[in-house]
Protein backbone atom coordinates (compact mmCIF):
# COMPACT_ATOMS: atom_id res chain seq x y z
CA MET A 1 -33.78 -117.23 -73.35
CA ILE A 2 -37.29 -118.49 -73.98
CA GLN A 3 -37.19 -120.91 -71.11
CA ALA A 4 -35.49 -118.50 -68.71
CA ALA A 5 -38.00 -115.74 -69.51
CA GLN A 6 -40.75 -117.84 -67.92
CA THR A 7 -39.06 -117.41 -64.54
CA VAL A 8 -40.11 -113.76 -64.67
CA ILE A 9 -43.65 -115.01 -64.14
CA SER A 10 -42.91 -117.77 -61.65
CA ARG A 11 -40.36 -115.90 -59.52
CA TYR A 12 -40.90 -112.16 -59.87
CA THR A 13 -44.62 -111.48 -60.14
CA ASP A 14 -47.50 -111.77 -57.70
CA PRO A 15 -49.12 -115.18 -58.31
CA MET A 16 -52.52 -113.53 -57.96
CA GLN A 17 -51.79 -111.09 -60.82
CA PRO A 18 -52.51 -112.38 -64.35
CA VAL A 19 -49.40 -112.11 -66.53
CA VAL A 20 -48.13 -113.72 -69.69
CA ILE A 21 -44.87 -113.85 -71.62
CA SER A 22 -45.15 -115.60 -74.98
CA PHE A 23 -42.58 -115.95 -77.72
CA THR A 24 -44.61 -116.36 -80.88
CA GLN A 25 -42.03 -116.00 -83.63
CA ILE A 26 -38.45 -117.28 -83.89
CA SER A 27 -36.28 -116.67 -86.94
CA GLY A 28 -32.58 -116.97 -87.67
CA GLY A 29 -29.86 -118.69 -89.65
CA VAL A 30 -29.50 -119.51 -93.30
CA ALA A 31 -28.99 -123.28 -93.27
CA HIS A 32 -29.68 -126.27 -91.03
CA ASN A 33 -25.98 -127.08 -90.56
CA ILE A 34 -24.64 -123.57 -89.83
CA ILE A 35 -24.88 -121.93 -86.41
CA ALA A 36 -26.94 -118.78 -86.83
CA ASP A 37 -25.07 -115.53 -86.25
CA ASN A 38 -28.32 -113.74 -85.48
CA VAL A 39 -31.66 -114.92 -84.09
CA ILE A 40 -34.75 -112.79 -83.62
CA LEU A 41 -37.38 -113.69 -81.04
CA LYS A 42 -40.71 -111.91 -81.15
CA GLY A 43 -43.57 -112.16 -78.75
CA THR A 44 -45.72 -110.41 -76.20
CA MET A 45 -45.69 -109.53 -72.52
CA ARG A 46 -48.98 -108.69 -70.86
CA SER A 47 -50.27 -107.82 -67.43
CA LEU A 48 -53.20 -105.89 -65.98
CA ASP A 49 -51.05 -103.71 -63.75
CA PHE A 50 -48.47 -101.01 -64.66
CA ASP A 51 -46.14 -101.87 -61.76
CA THR A 52 -46.20 -105.55 -62.66
CA SER A 53 -45.45 -104.70 -66.28
CA ALA A 54 -42.48 -102.52 -65.31
CA LYS A 55 -41.15 -105.24 -62.99
CA MET A 56 -41.46 -107.83 -65.76
CA LYS A 57 -39.43 -105.65 -68.13
CA THR A 58 -36.73 -105.06 -65.50
CA GLN A 59 -36.41 -108.77 -64.71
CA LEU A 60 -36.43 -109.81 -68.38
CA LYS A 61 -33.56 -107.38 -69.04
CA LYS A 62 -31.57 -108.84 -66.12
CA ILE A 63 -32.12 -112.37 -67.43
CA ALA A 64 -31.11 -111.36 -70.96
CA ASP A 65 -27.96 -109.65 -69.67
CA GLY A 66 -27.05 -112.77 -67.66
CA ILE A 67 -27.57 -115.10 -70.61
CA ALA A 68 -25.59 -112.79 -72.89
CA ALA A 69 -22.68 -112.70 -70.42
CA THR A 70 -22.78 -116.48 -69.92
CA PHE A 71 -22.68 -117.33 -73.62
CA GLY A 72 -20.69 -114.39 -74.99
CA ALA A 73 -23.67 -113.11 -76.92
CA LYS A 74 -25.38 -109.78 -77.37
CA ILE A 75 -29.08 -109.56 -76.55
CA ASP A 76 -31.09 -106.44 -77.33
CA ILE A 77 -34.67 -106.09 -76.13
CA GLU A 78 -36.92 -103.73 -78.05
CA TYR A 79 -40.56 -103.04 -77.22
CA LEU A 80 -42.34 -102.04 -80.41
CA LEU A 81 -45.91 -101.94 -79.19
CA ASP A 82 -46.33 -101.29 -75.51
CA TYR A 83 -50.04 -101.89 -75.02
CA PRO A 84 -51.52 -101.07 -71.63
CA SER A 85 -54.39 -103.13 -70.26
CA VAL A 86 -57.95 -102.11 -71.11
CA LEU A 87 -59.66 -100.14 -68.33
CA ASN A 88 -63.33 -101.03 -68.09
CA ASP A 89 -65.49 -98.48 -66.30
CA LYS A 90 -68.31 -100.03 -64.24
CA ASN A 91 -70.36 -96.83 -64.49
CA VAL A 92 -70.27 -96.91 -68.29
CA HIS A 93 -71.20 -100.60 -68.22
CA GLY A 94 -74.13 -99.86 -65.90
CA ARG A 95 -75.39 -97.19 -68.25
CA MET A 96 -75.06 -99.52 -71.25
CA LYS A 97 -76.56 -102.59 -69.56
CA PRO A 98 -80.19 -101.86 -70.60
CA ALA A 99 -79.09 -101.72 -74.25
CA LEU A 100 -77.19 -104.99 -73.78
CA GLU A 101 -80.17 -106.75 -72.28
CA SER A 102 -82.69 -105.40 -74.79
CA THR A 103 -80.50 -106.45 -77.73
CA PHE A 104 -79.24 -109.83 -76.52
CA GLY A 105 -81.59 -110.82 -73.69
CA THR A 106 -80.65 -111.00 -70.02
CA GLY A 107 -79.43 -114.60 -70.12
CA ASN A 108 -77.14 -113.97 -73.07
CA VAL A 109 -74.95 -111.31 -71.45
CA ILE A 110 -71.94 -112.97 -69.83
CA GLU A 111 -69.67 -110.88 -67.63
CA THR A 112 -66.04 -112.02 -67.40
CA GLN A 113 -62.93 -111.19 -65.43
CA GLY A 114 -60.05 -109.14 -66.84
CA MET A 115 -58.23 -110.65 -69.81
CA LEU A 116 -54.71 -110.24 -71.08
CA GLY A 117 -55.52 -109.42 -74.68
CA GLY A 118 -53.45 -106.83 -76.52
CA GLU A 119 -55.97 -104.34 -77.83
CA ASP A 120 -55.81 -100.87 -79.43
CA PHE A 121 -58.95 -100.00 -77.47
CA ALA A 122 -56.76 -99.89 -74.34
CA PHE A 123 -55.43 -96.49 -75.42
CA TYR A 124 -58.96 -95.07 -75.72
CA SER A 125 -59.93 -96.50 -72.35
CA ARG A 126 -57.12 -94.52 -70.73
CA LYS A 127 -58.44 -91.25 -72.19
CA VAL A 128 -62.18 -91.53 -71.53
CA PRO A 129 -64.35 -93.82 -69.39
CA SER A 130 -64.97 -96.89 -71.54
CA MET A 131 -66.19 -100.44 -71.66
CA PHE A 132 -64.87 -103.23 -73.90
CA TYR A 133 -67.27 -105.95 -75.05
CA PHE A 134 -66.84 -109.19 -76.96
CA LEU A 135 -69.59 -109.95 -79.43
CA GLY A 136 -70.36 -113.64 -79.77
CA ALA A 137 -69.63 -114.58 -83.37
CA LYS A 138 -69.22 -118.35 -83.17
CA ASN A 139 -69.90 -120.19 -86.39
CA ASP A 140 -71.66 -123.41 -85.36
CA ALA A 141 -71.04 -125.04 -88.75
CA GLU A 142 -67.29 -125.22 -88.19
CA GLU A 143 -64.86 -126.02 -85.40
CA CYS A 144 -64.72 -122.93 -83.18
CA PHE A 145 -61.53 -120.86 -82.87
CA PHE A 146 -61.13 -117.61 -80.94
CA VAL A 147 -60.32 -114.27 -82.61
CA HIS A 148 -56.72 -113.89 -83.86
CA HIS A 149 -56.49 -117.63 -84.51
CA PRO A 150 -55.60 -118.33 -88.16
CA LYS A 151 -58.59 -120.68 -88.50
CA VAL A 152 -61.23 -118.39 -86.99
CA ILE A 153 -64.48 -118.20 -88.94
CA ILE A 154 -66.85 -115.40 -87.96
CA ASN A 155 -70.61 -115.81 -88.14
CA GLU A 156 -71.41 -112.48 -89.78
CA GLU A 157 -75.03 -112.64 -88.59
CA CYS A 158 -73.71 -111.21 -85.31
CA ILE A 159 -72.92 -107.85 -86.95
CA LYS A 160 -76.55 -106.68 -86.94
CA TYR A 161 -76.78 -107.38 -83.19
CA GLY A 162 -73.55 -105.56 -82.45
CA SER A 163 -74.69 -102.58 -84.52
CA GLN A 164 -78.04 -102.50 -82.74
CA PHE A 165 -76.41 -102.69 -79.32
CA PHE A 166 -73.86 -99.96 -79.99
CA SER A 167 -76.41 -97.59 -81.52
CA ASP A 168 -78.84 -98.09 -78.61
CA ALA A 169 -75.99 -97.74 -76.09
CA ALA A 170 -74.73 -94.56 -77.75
CA VAL A 171 -78.21 -93.01 -77.63
CA SER A 172 -78.48 -94.03 -73.97
CA LEU A 173 -75.09 -92.55 -73.09
CA LEU A 174 -75.84 -89.31 -74.94
CA GLY A 175 -79.21 -89.06 -73.20
CA ASP A 176 -77.47 -89.20 -69.80
CA ARG A 177 -75.40 -86.08 -70.52
């Protein structure tokens, strides 16, 4: 199932659309020498586009049904957290840019392309015009790991800069009303 699921990406999605299917947890069985009667796979599916996401779910279900029929198994797919992609509003970013530059300096603001992170903020961004920012928190004393990695170490000195930026940006946004 894990291997076949990857064909959803390679065969059924636009190669120019960023997508990911990752199985991040596998559990089942009670002993090394007994075939498990039940196995649970957990993971994530992400895309930046609603149509792509729907197509991925449809194709994954077809693959699961085919594997189940082939091996006489039962496969249930359950989506517990269906996170949409974050919608960044360029107008909001433009209005917040002076606060960004005054807090961090022009050369320290790095704009990136869309990312496939699963983020609660996505729900807010679908209700009101929003902008999602990453705050650099790399700890130079240790090997660097990205957020959500079990070995991440945050340089807490960044908090004062984030607080300054968000308070200045909020004042700026309120002043534009």
